[in-house]
N, C-alpha and C. Protein backbone atom coordinates (compact mmCIF):
# COMPACT_ATOMS: atom_id res chain seq x y z
N UNK A 1 -32.01 -4.78 -21.51
CA UNK A 1 -30.66 -5.26 -21.79
C UNK A 1 -29.64 -4.13 -21.65
N UNK A 2 -30.03 -2.95 -22.13
CA UNK A 2 -29.14 -1.79 -22.05
C UNK A 2 -28.81 -1.47 -20.59
N UNK A 3 -29.82 -1.51 -19.72
CA UNK A 3 -29.63 -1.23 -18.30
C UNK A 3 -28.68 -2.25 -17.67
N UNK A 4 -28.83 -3.52 -18.03
CA UNK A 4 -27.95 -4.57 -17.52
C UNK A 4 -26.50 -4.30 -17.91
N UNK A 5 -26.27 -3.90 -19.15
CA UNK A 5 -24.91 -3.61 -19.62
C UNK A 5 -24.32 -2.40 -18.89
N UNK A 6 -25.16 -1.41 -18.62
CA UNK A 6 -24.68 -0.22 -17.88
C UNK A 6 -24.27 -0.60 -16.45
N UNK A 7 -25.10 -1.40 -15.81
CA UNK A 7 -24.79 -1.84 -14.45
C UNK A 7 -23.52 -2.69 -14.44
N UNK A 8 -23.39 -3.58 -15.41
CA UNK A 8 -22.19 -4.43 -15.50
C UNK A 8 -20.95 -3.59 -15.72
N UNK A 9 -21.06 -2.56 -16.56
CA UNK A 9 -19.91 -1.68 -16.83
C UNK A 9 -19.51 -0.90 -15.58
N UNK A 10 -20.49 -0.43 -14.83
CA UNK A 10 -20.20 0.28 -13.57
C UNK A 10 -19.51 -0.66 -12.59
N UNK A 11 -20.01 -1.88 -12.47
CA UNK A 11 -19.40 -2.85 -11.55
C UNK A 11 -17.97 -3.17 -11.97
N UNK A 12 -17.75 -3.30 -13.28
CA UNK A 12 -16.41 -3.60 -13.78
C UNK A 12 -15.46 -2.43 -13.51
N UNK A 13 -15.94 -1.21 -13.71
CA UNK A 13 -15.13 -0.02 -13.44
C UNK A 13 -14.80 0.07 -11.95
N UNK A 14 -15.79 -0.20 -11.10
CA UNK A 14 -15.57 -0.19 -9.65
C UNK A 14 -14.51 -1.22 -9.27
N UNK A 15 -14.59 -2.38 -9.87
CA UNK A 15 -13.62 -3.44 -9.58
C UNK A 15 -12.21 -3.01 -9.99
N UNK A 16 -12.07 -2.37 -11.14
CA UNK A 16 -10.75 -1.90 -11.58
C UNK A 16 -10.21 -0.84 -10.63
N UNK A 17 -11.08 0.03 -10.13
CA UNK A 17 -10.64 1.05 -9.17
C UNK A 17 -10.16 0.38 -7.89
N UNK A 18 -10.90 -0.62 -7.42
CA UNK A 18 -10.49 -1.33 -6.20
C UNK A 18 -9.14 -2.02 -6.37
N UNK A 19 -8.92 -2.60 -7.53
CA UNK A 19 -7.62 -3.24 -7.80
C UNK A 19 -6.51 -2.19 -7.82
N UNK A 20 -6.78 -1.05 -8.45
CA UNK A 20 -5.78 0.03 -8.50
C UNK A 20 -5.44 0.52 -7.10
N UNK A 21 -6.44 0.66 -6.24
CA UNK A 21 -6.19 1.10 -4.86
C UNK A 21 -5.35 0.06 -4.13
N UNK A 22 -5.64 -1.21 -4.34
CA UNK A 22 -4.87 -2.28 -3.70
C UNK A 22 -3.41 -2.22 -4.14
N UNK A 23 -3.18 -2.04 -5.42
CA UNK A 23 -1.81 -1.93 -5.94
C UNK A 23 -1.12 -0.70 -5.35
N UNK A 24 -1.84 0.39 -5.22
CA UNK A 24 -1.28 1.61 -4.63
C UNK A 24 -0.87 1.36 -3.18
N UNK A 25 -1.72 0.68 -2.41
CA UNK A 25 -1.39 0.37 -1.01
C UNK A 25 -0.14 -0.52 -0.96
N UNK A 26 -0.08 -1.52 -1.83
CA UNK A 26 1.09 -2.39 -1.88
C UNK A 26 2.35 -1.59 -2.23
N UNK A 27 2.22 -0.64 -3.15
CA UNK A 27 3.37 0.20 -3.53
C UNK A 27 3.82 1.07 -2.37
N UNK A 28 2.88 1.62 -1.64
CA UNK A 28 3.23 2.45 -0.47
C UNK A 28 3.98 1.62 0.56
N UNK A 29 3.50 0.41 0.81
CA UNK A 29 4.18 -0.48 1.76
C UNK A 29 5.59 -0.78 1.26
N UNK A 30 5.73 -1.07 -0.03
CA UNK A 30 7.04 -1.36 -0.61
C UNK A 30 7.99 -0.16 -0.45
N UNK A 31 7.49 1.03 -0.75
CA UNK A 31 8.31 2.25 -0.65
C UNK A 31 8.74 2.47 0.79
N UNK A 32 7.81 2.29 1.74
CA UNK A 32 8.16 2.44 3.15
C UNK A 32 9.25 1.44 3.55
N UNK A 33 9.15 0.22 3.05
CA UNK A 33 10.13 -0.81 3.38
C UNK A 33 11.48 -0.57 2.70
N UNK A 34 11.47 0.17 1.61
CA UNK A 34 12.71 0.44 0.88
C UNK A 34 13.50 1.59 1.50
N UNK A 35 12.90 2.29 2.47
CA UNK A 35 13.62 3.39 3.13
C UNK A 35 14.75 2.83 3.97
N UNK A 36 15.93 3.41 3.85
CA UNK A 36 17.04 2.96 4.71
C UNK A 36 16.66 3.11 6.19
N UNK A 37 17.31 2.34 7.03
CA UNK A 37 17.00 2.31 8.45
C UNK A 37 17.02 3.67 9.11
N UNK A 38 18.01 4.51 8.79
CA UNK A 38 18.10 5.81 9.44
C UNK A 38 16.93 6.72 9.05
N UNK A 39 16.48 6.64 7.82
CA UNK A 39 15.35 7.45 7.37
C UNK A 39 14.07 6.97 8.04
N UNK A 40 13.88 5.67 8.07
CA UNK A 40 12.70 5.09 8.71
C UNK A 40 12.66 5.42 10.20
N UNK A 41 13.81 5.33 10.85
CA UNK A 41 13.90 5.64 12.28
C UNK A 41 13.59 7.11 12.53
N UNK A 42 14.12 7.99 11.69
CA UNK A 42 13.86 9.42 11.85
C UNK A 42 12.37 9.72 11.71
N UNK A 43 11.72 9.04 10.77
CA UNK A 43 10.28 9.22 10.56
C UNK A 43 9.51 8.76 11.81
N UNK A 44 9.86 7.59 12.31
CA UNK A 44 9.19 7.06 13.51
C UNK A 44 9.45 7.94 14.72
N UNK A 45 10.69 8.42 14.84
CA UNK A 45 11.05 9.26 15.98
C UNK A 45 10.26 10.57 15.98
N UNK A 46 10.04 11.12 14.79
CA UNK A 46 9.27 12.37 14.70
C UNK A 46 7.85 12.16 15.19
N UNK A 47 7.25 11.05 14.81
CA UNK A 47 5.89 10.74 15.26
C UNK A 47 5.90 10.43 16.75
N UNK A 48 6.94 9.74 17.21
CA UNK A 48 7.04 9.41 18.64
C UNK A 48 7.14 10.67 19.50
N UNK A 49 7.84 11.67 19.01
CA UNK A 49 7.98 12.92 19.76
C UNK A 49 6.63 13.57 19.99
N UNK A 50 5.77 13.51 18.99
CA UNK A 50 4.42 14.06 19.14
C UNK A 50 3.66 13.26 20.19
N UNK A 51 3.76 11.93 20.13
CA UNK A 51 3.02 11.09 21.08
C UNK A 51 3.57 11.24 22.50
N UNK A 52 4.86 11.54 22.63
CA UNK A 52 5.44 11.71 23.97
C UNK A 52 4.82 12.91 24.67
N UNK A 53 4.45 13.92 23.88
CA UNK A 53 3.80 15.09 24.46
C UNK A 53 2.40 14.77 24.95
N UNK A 54 1.81 13.72 24.42
CA UNK A 54 0.44 13.35 24.79
C UNK A 54 0.37 12.27 25.86
N UNK A 55 1.46 11.54 26.03
CA UNK A 55 1.48 10.44 27.00
C UNK A 55 2.68 10.58 27.90
N UNK A 56 2.75 9.73 28.89
CA UNK A 56 3.89 9.71 29.80
C UNK A 56 4.78 8.49 29.54
N UNK A 57 4.68 7.93 28.33
CA UNK A 57 5.46 6.74 28.00
C UNK A 57 6.94 7.09 27.80
N UNK A 58 7.82 6.18 28.16
CA UNK A 58 9.23 6.37 27.85
C UNK A 58 9.41 6.41 26.33
N UNK A 59 10.41 7.15 25.86
CA UNK A 59 10.61 7.33 24.42
C UNK A 59 10.77 5.99 23.70
N UNK A 60 11.51 5.09 24.27
CA UNK A 60 11.74 3.78 23.64
C UNK A 60 10.43 3.02 23.46
N UNK A 61 9.56 3.07 24.45
CA UNK A 61 8.27 2.39 24.39
C UNK A 61 7.38 3.05 23.35
N UNK A 62 7.34 4.38 23.35
CA UNK A 62 6.51 5.11 22.38
C UNK A 62 6.95 4.80 20.96
N UNK A 63 8.25 4.76 20.71
CA UNK A 63 8.76 4.45 19.37
C UNK A 63 8.37 3.04 18.96
N UNK A 64 8.50 2.10 19.88
CA UNK A 64 8.13 0.71 19.59
C UNK A 64 6.65 0.63 19.23
N UNK A 65 5.80 1.27 20.02
CA UNK A 65 4.36 1.24 19.77
C UNK A 65 4.03 1.89 18.42
N UNK A 66 4.66 3.00 18.12
CA UNK A 66 4.41 3.69 16.84
C UNK A 66 4.81 2.79 15.68
N UNK A 67 5.99 2.20 15.74
CA UNK A 67 6.48 1.37 14.64
C UNK A 67 5.60 0.13 14.43
N UNK A 68 5.23 -0.52 15.51
CA UNK A 68 4.42 -1.74 15.38
C UNK A 68 2.98 -1.40 14.98
N UNK A 69 2.47 -0.28 15.47
CA UNK A 69 1.12 0.15 15.07
C UNK A 69 1.08 0.46 13.58
N UNK A 70 2.15 1.03 13.06
CA UNK A 70 2.21 1.32 11.62
C UNK A 70 2.14 0.02 10.82
N UNK A 71 2.88 -0.99 11.27
CA UNK A 71 2.82 -2.31 10.62
C UNK A 71 1.38 -2.83 10.63
N UNK A 72 0.77 -2.81 11.80
CA UNK A 72 -0.57 -3.35 11.95
C UNK A 72 -1.56 -2.60 11.04
N UNK A 73 -1.52 -1.28 11.08
CA UNK A 73 -2.48 -0.47 10.32
C UNK A 73 -2.31 -0.60 8.81
N UNK A 74 -1.06 -0.59 8.34
CA UNK A 74 -0.89 -0.68 6.89
C UNK A 74 -1.35 -2.05 6.36
N UNK A 75 -1.16 -3.08 7.14
CA UNK A 75 -1.62 -4.40 6.69
C UNK A 75 -3.11 -4.61 6.96
N UNK A 76 -3.68 -3.89 7.92
CA UNK A 76 -5.12 -3.92 8.08
C UNK A 76 -5.76 -3.30 6.83
N UNK A 77 -5.19 -2.20 6.36
CA UNK A 77 -5.68 -1.56 5.14
C UNK A 77 -5.52 -2.50 3.95
N UNK A 78 -4.38 -3.19 3.86
CA UNK A 78 -4.17 -4.14 2.76
C UNK A 78 -5.18 -5.29 2.85
N UNK A 79 -5.44 -5.78 4.06
CA UNK A 79 -6.44 -6.83 4.25
C UNK A 79 -7.83 -6.36 3.81
N UNK A 80 -8.15 -5.10 4.10
CA UNK A 80 -9.42 -4.53 3.64
C UNK A 80 -9.45 -4.49 2.12
N UNK A 81 -8.36 -4.03 1.52
CA UNK A 81 -8.30 -3.95 0.05
C UNK A 81 -8.48 -5.32 -0.59
N UNK A 82 -7.72 -6.30 -0.12
CA UNK A 82 -7.86 -7.65 -0.67
C UNK A 82 -9.26 -8.20 -0.39
N UNK A 83 -9.83 -7.90 0.76
CA UNK A 83 -11.18 -8.34 1.08
C UNK A 83 -12.21 -7.77 0.12
N UNK A 84 -12.07 -6.49 -0.19
CA UNK A 84 -12.97 -5.86 -1.16
C UNK A 84 -12.80 -6.48 -2.53
N UNK A 85 -11.57 -6.78 -2.91
CA UNK A 85 -11.33 -7.42 -4.21
C UNK A 85 -11.94 -8.81 -4.27
N UNK A 86 -11.85 -9.56 -3.19
CA UNK A 86 -12.48 -10.89 -3.15
C UNK A 86 -14.00 -10.74 -3.26
N UNK A 87 -14.55 -9.77 -2.54
CA UNK A 87 -16.00 -9.52 -2.62
C UNK A 87 -16.40 -9.14 -4.04
N UNK A 88 -15.62 -8.27 -4.70
CA UNK A 88 -15.88 -7.89 -6.10
C UNK A 88 -15.87 -9.13 -6.99
N UNK A 89 -14.88 -9.98 -6.79
CA UNK A 89 -14.76 -11.20 -7.60
C UNK A 89 -15.99 -12.08 -7.42
N UNK A 90 -16.44 -12.19 -6.16
CA UNK A 90 -17.62 -13.01 -5.88
C UNK A 90 -18.86 -12.44 -6.59
N UNK A 91 -19.05 -11.13 -6.49
CA UNK A 91 -20.21 -10.50 -7.11
C UNK A 91 -20.17 -10.63 -8.62
N UNK A 92 -19.00 -10.47 -9.19
CA UNK A 92 -18.86 -10.53 -10.65
C UNK A 92 -19.19 -11.92 -11.18
N UNK A 93 -18.85 -12.93 -10.43
CA UNK A 93 -19.06 -14.31 -10.88
C UNK A 93 -20.28 -14.96 -10.23
N UNK A 94 -21.02 -14.18 -9.46
CA UNK A 94 -22.17 -14.70 -8.72
C UNK A 94 -21.76 -15.92 -7.89
N UNK A 95 -20.55 -15.87 -7.37
CA UNK A 95 -20.03 -16.95 -6.54
C UNK A 95 -20.51 -16.76 -5.10
N UNK A 96 -20.51 -17.80 -4.37
CA UNK A 96 -20.91 -17.73 -2.97
C UNK A 96 -19.85 -18.44 -2.13
N UNK A 97 -18.85 -17.68 -1.73
CA UNK A 97 -17.80 -18.25 -0.89
C UNK A 97 -18.27 -18.34 0.55
N UNK A 98 -17.74 -19.28 1.27
CA UNK A 98 -18.04 -19.38 2.69
C UNK A 98 -17.43 -18.18 3.41
N UNK A 99 -17.94 -17.89 4.58
CA UNK A 99 -17.40 -16.78 5.37
C UNK A 99 -15.93 -17.01 5.69
N UNK A 100 -15.58 -18.26 5.93
CA UNK A 100 -14.19 -18.58 6.25
C UNK A 100 -13.28 -18.21 5.06
N UNK A 101 -13.69 -18.61 3.85
CA UNK A 101 -12.88 -18.29 2.68
C UNK A 101 -12.84 -16.79 2.40
N UNK A 102 -13.94 -16.08 2.70
CA UNK A 102 -13.96 -14.64 2.50
C UNK A 102 -12.95 -13.93 3.40
N UNK A 103 -12.62 -14.54 4.51
CA UNK A 103 -11.61 -13.97 5.41
C UNK A 103 -10.24 -14.54 5.09
N UNK A 104 -10.17 -15.84 4.85
CA UNK A 104 -8.88 -16.50 4.69
C UNK A 104 -8.14 -16.10 3.42
N UNK A 105 -8.87 -15.90 2.32
CA UNK A 105 -8.19 -15.55 1.06
C UNK A 105 -7.49 -14.19 1.17
N UNK A 106 -8.19 -13.12 1.58
CA UNK A 106 -7.47 -11.84 1.71
C UNK A 106 -6.39 -11.87 2.80
N UNK A 107 -6.66 -12.60 3.88
CA UNK A 107 -5.65 -12.72 4.94
C UNK A 107 -4.40 -13.41 4.41
N UNK A 108 -4.59 -14.50 3.67
CA UNK A 108 -3.43 -15.24 3.13
C UNK A 108 -2.66 -14.39 2.12
N UNK A 109 -3.36 -13.70 1.25
CA UNK A 109 -2.67 -12.84 0.26
C UNK A 109 -1.86 -11.75 0.97
N UNK A 110 -2.45 -11.15 1.98
CA UNK A 110 -1.76 -10.10 2.74
C UNK A 110 -0.56 -10.65 3.50
N UNK A 111 -0.72 -11.85 4.07
CA UNK A 111 0.37 -12.46 4.83
C UNK A 111 1.53 -12.83 3.92
N UNK A 112 1.23 -13.34 2.74
CA UNK A 112 2.29 -13.64 1.77
C UNK A 112 3.03 -12.36 1.40
N UNK A 113 2.28 -11.28 1.21
CA UNK A 113 2.93 -10.00 0.90
C UNK A 113 3.79 -9.53 2.07
N UNK A 114 3.32 -9.76 3.29
CA UNK A 114 4.10 -9.37 4.48
C UNK A 114 5.42 -10.14 4.53
N UNK A 115 5.39 -11.42 4.21
CA UNK A 115 6.62 -12.23 4.19
C UNK A 115 7.59 -11.68 3.15
N UNK A 116 7.08 -11.40 1.94
CA UNK A 116 7.97 -10.87 0.90
C UNK A 116 8.49 -9.49 1.27
N UNK A 117 7.67 -8.72 1.97
CA UNK A 117 8.08 -7.38 2.42
C UNK A 117 9.23 -7.48 3.43
N UNK A 118 9.12 -8.41 4.35
CA UNK A 118 10.19 -8.57 5.33
C UNK A 118 11.48 -9.09 4.67
N UNK A 119 11.35 -9.99 3.72
CA UNK A 119 12.53 -10.46 2.98
C UNK A 119 13.17 -9.29 2.25
N UNK A 120 12.34 -8.46 1.63
CA UNK A 120 12.84 -7.27 0.94
C UNK A 120 13.63 -6.38 1.91
N UNK A 121 13.11 -6.20 3.14
CA UNK A 121 13.80 -5.35 4.11
C UNK A 121 15.17 -5.89 4.51
N UNK A 122 15.37 -7.19 4.39
CA UNK A 122 16.67 -7.78 4.72
C UNK A 122 17.78 -7.25 3.81
N UNK A 123 17.39 -6.73 2.65
CA UNK A 123 18.37 -6.22 1.68
C UNK A 123 18.48 -4.70 1.69
N UNK A 124 17.75 -4.04 2.59
CA UNK A 124 17.77 -2.58 2.69
C UNK A 124 18.73 -2.20 3.81
N UNK A 125 19.67 -1.28 3.53
CA UNK A 125 20.64 -0.88 4.55
C UNK A 125 19.96 -0.38 5.84
N UNK A 126 20.40 -0.91 6.97
CA UNK A 126 19.89 -0.49 8.26
C UNK A 126 18.55 -1.12 8.64
N UNK A 127 18.02 -2.00 7.80
CA UNK A 127 16.75 -2.67 8.09
C UNK A 127 17.03 -4.15 8.27
N UNK A 128 16.08 -4.86 8.85
CA UNK A 128 16.24 -6.30 9.00
C UNK A 128 14.91 -7.01 8.77
N UNK A 129 15.01 -8.30 8.64
CA UNK A 129 13.86 -9.17 8.43
C UNK A 129 13.43 -9.68 9.79
N UNK A 130 12.22 -9.31 10.24
CA UNK A 130 11.79 -9.68 11.59
C UNK A 130 10.50 -10.48 11.53
N UNK A 131 10.55 -11.68 12.07
CA UNK A 131 9.38 -12.55 12.10
C UNK A 131 8.25 -11.93 12.90
N UNK A 132 8.57 -11.19 13.96
CA UNK A 132 7.53 -10.54 14.77
C UNK A 132 6.72 -9.56 13.91
N UNK A 133 7.38 -8.89 12.97
CA UNK A 133 6.67 -7.96 12.10
C UNK A 133 5.70 -8.69 11.17
N UNK A 134 6.09 -9.86 10.70
CA UNK A 134 5.17 -10.66 9.87
C UNK A 134 3.94 -11.02 10.70
N UNK A 135 4.13 -11.37 11.95
CA UNK A 135 3.00 -11.69 12.82
C UNK A 135 2.08 -10.50 13.04
N UNK A 136 2.67 -9.33 13.26
CA UNK A 136 1.88 -8.12 13.46
C UNK A 136 1.15 -7.76 12.16
N UNK A 137 1.86 -7.84 11.04
CA UNK A 137 1.25 -7.57 9.74
C UNK A 137 0.08 -8.51 9.48
N UNK A 138 0.31 -9.78 9.76
CA UNK A 138 -0.71 -10.80 9.54
C UNK A 138 -1.94 -10.55 10.41
N UNK A 139 -1.72 -10.15 11.65
CA UNK A 139 -2.84 -9.84 12.55
C UNK A 139 -3.64 -8.65 12.03
N UNK A 140 -2.96 -7.64 11.54
CA UNK A 140 -3.64 -6.48 10.97
C UNK A 140 -4.46 -6.88 9.75
N UNK A 141 -3.88 -7.73 8.90
CA UNK A 141 -4.59 -8.19 7.70
C UNK A 141 -5.82 -9.00 8.08
N UNK A 142 -5.70 -9.82 9.12
CA UNK A 142 -6.84 -10.62 9.56
C UNK A 142 -7.98 -9.71 10.03
N UNK A 143 -7.65 -8.71 10.81
CA UNK A 143 -8.68 -7.78 11.29
C UNK A 143 -9.32 -7.05 10.11
N UNK A 144 -8.51 -6.60 9.15
CA UNK A 144 -9.06 -5.94 7.96
C UNK A 144 -9.98 -6.84 7.17
N UNK A 145 -9.60 -8.09 7.01
CA UNK A 145 -10.42 -9.07 6.28
C UNK A 145 -11.74 -9.32 7.00
N UNK A 146 -11.67 -9.43 8.31
CA UNK A 146 -12.89 -9.64 9.10
C UNK A 146 -13.81 -8.43 9.01
N UNK A 147 -13.23 -7.23 9.05
CA UNK A 147 -14.04 -6.01 8.92
C UNK A 147 -14.82 -5.99 7.62
N UNK A 148 -14.17 -6.36 6.51
CA UNK A 148 -14.86 -6.39 5.22
C UNK A 148 -16.03 -7.37 5.27
N UNK A 149 -15.79 -8.55 5.83
CA UNK A 149 -16.86 -9.54 5.94
C UNK A 149 -18.03 -8.99 6.76
N UNK A 150 -17.74 -8.39 7.91
CA UNK A 150 -18.79 -7.88 8.77
C UNK A 150 -19.58 -6.76 8.10
N UNK A 151 -18.89 -5.87 7.44
CA UNK A 151 -19.57 -4.76 6.74
C UNK A 151 -20.40 -5.29 5.59
N UNK A 152 -19.84 -6.21 4.83
CA UNK A 152 -20.55 -6.80 3.69
C UNK A 152 -21.81 -7.52 4.15
N UNK A 153 -21.69 -8.32 5.21
CA UNK A 153 -22.86 -9.04 5.73
C UNK A 153 -23.91 -8.08 6.26
N UNK A 154 -23.48 -7.03 6.95
CA UNK A 154 -24.40 -6.04 7.46
C UNK A 154 -25.15 -5.33 6.33
N UNK A 155 -24.43 -5.00 5.26
CA UNK A 155 -25.05 -4.35 4.11
C UNK A 155 -26.06 -5.28 3.43
N UNK A 156 -25.72 -6.55 3.34
CA UNK A 156 -26.64 -7.54 2.74
C UNK A 156 -27.91 -7.67 3.58
N UNK A 157 -27.75 -7.68 4.89
CA UNK A 157 -28.92 -7.77 5.77
C UNK A 157 -29.79 -6.53 5.66
N UNK A 158 -29.17 -5.37 5.53
CA UNK A 158 -29.92 -4.11 5.42
C UNK A 158 -30.73 -4.06 4.12
N UNK A 159 -30.22 -4.70 3.06
CA UNK A 159 -30.94 -4.73 1.78
C UNK A 159 -32.19 -5.59 1.86
N UNK A 160 -32.19 -6.59 2.72
CA UNK A 160 -33.33 -7.52 2.82
C UNK A 160 -34.51 -6.91 3.48
């Protein structure tokens, strides 16, 4: 019984850490979105300048790719975080969600956050609310959610 309680406590602590990381990722996204347009542009331009030295892309194209890649990557990370939280929830409750739900729940949570993030940007000076960004964010979240499912399934198969 003592061993069971120790394992349960470790799992609960792990779950709290995963939730804290998810909240941290959401906070980072919020802070990035709260940056005024000129600050955000300067940040993107600095990264674009580095990439221009590595590629032959026009500056405008490089900046576009950098900005949209950042959207995709930050929401892929959020999709991973929500996916891990869903997996933790399943393990804690000995639930067995379908593969579709294991992907759709974190994807939907991330997409809702992306919508609220874009609405938030509409109120930030020099920023705007762009539907294309919600689509890119949503795609990143979907890939992150799928990655969690694939890794989780692979780990389960390796245990067998």
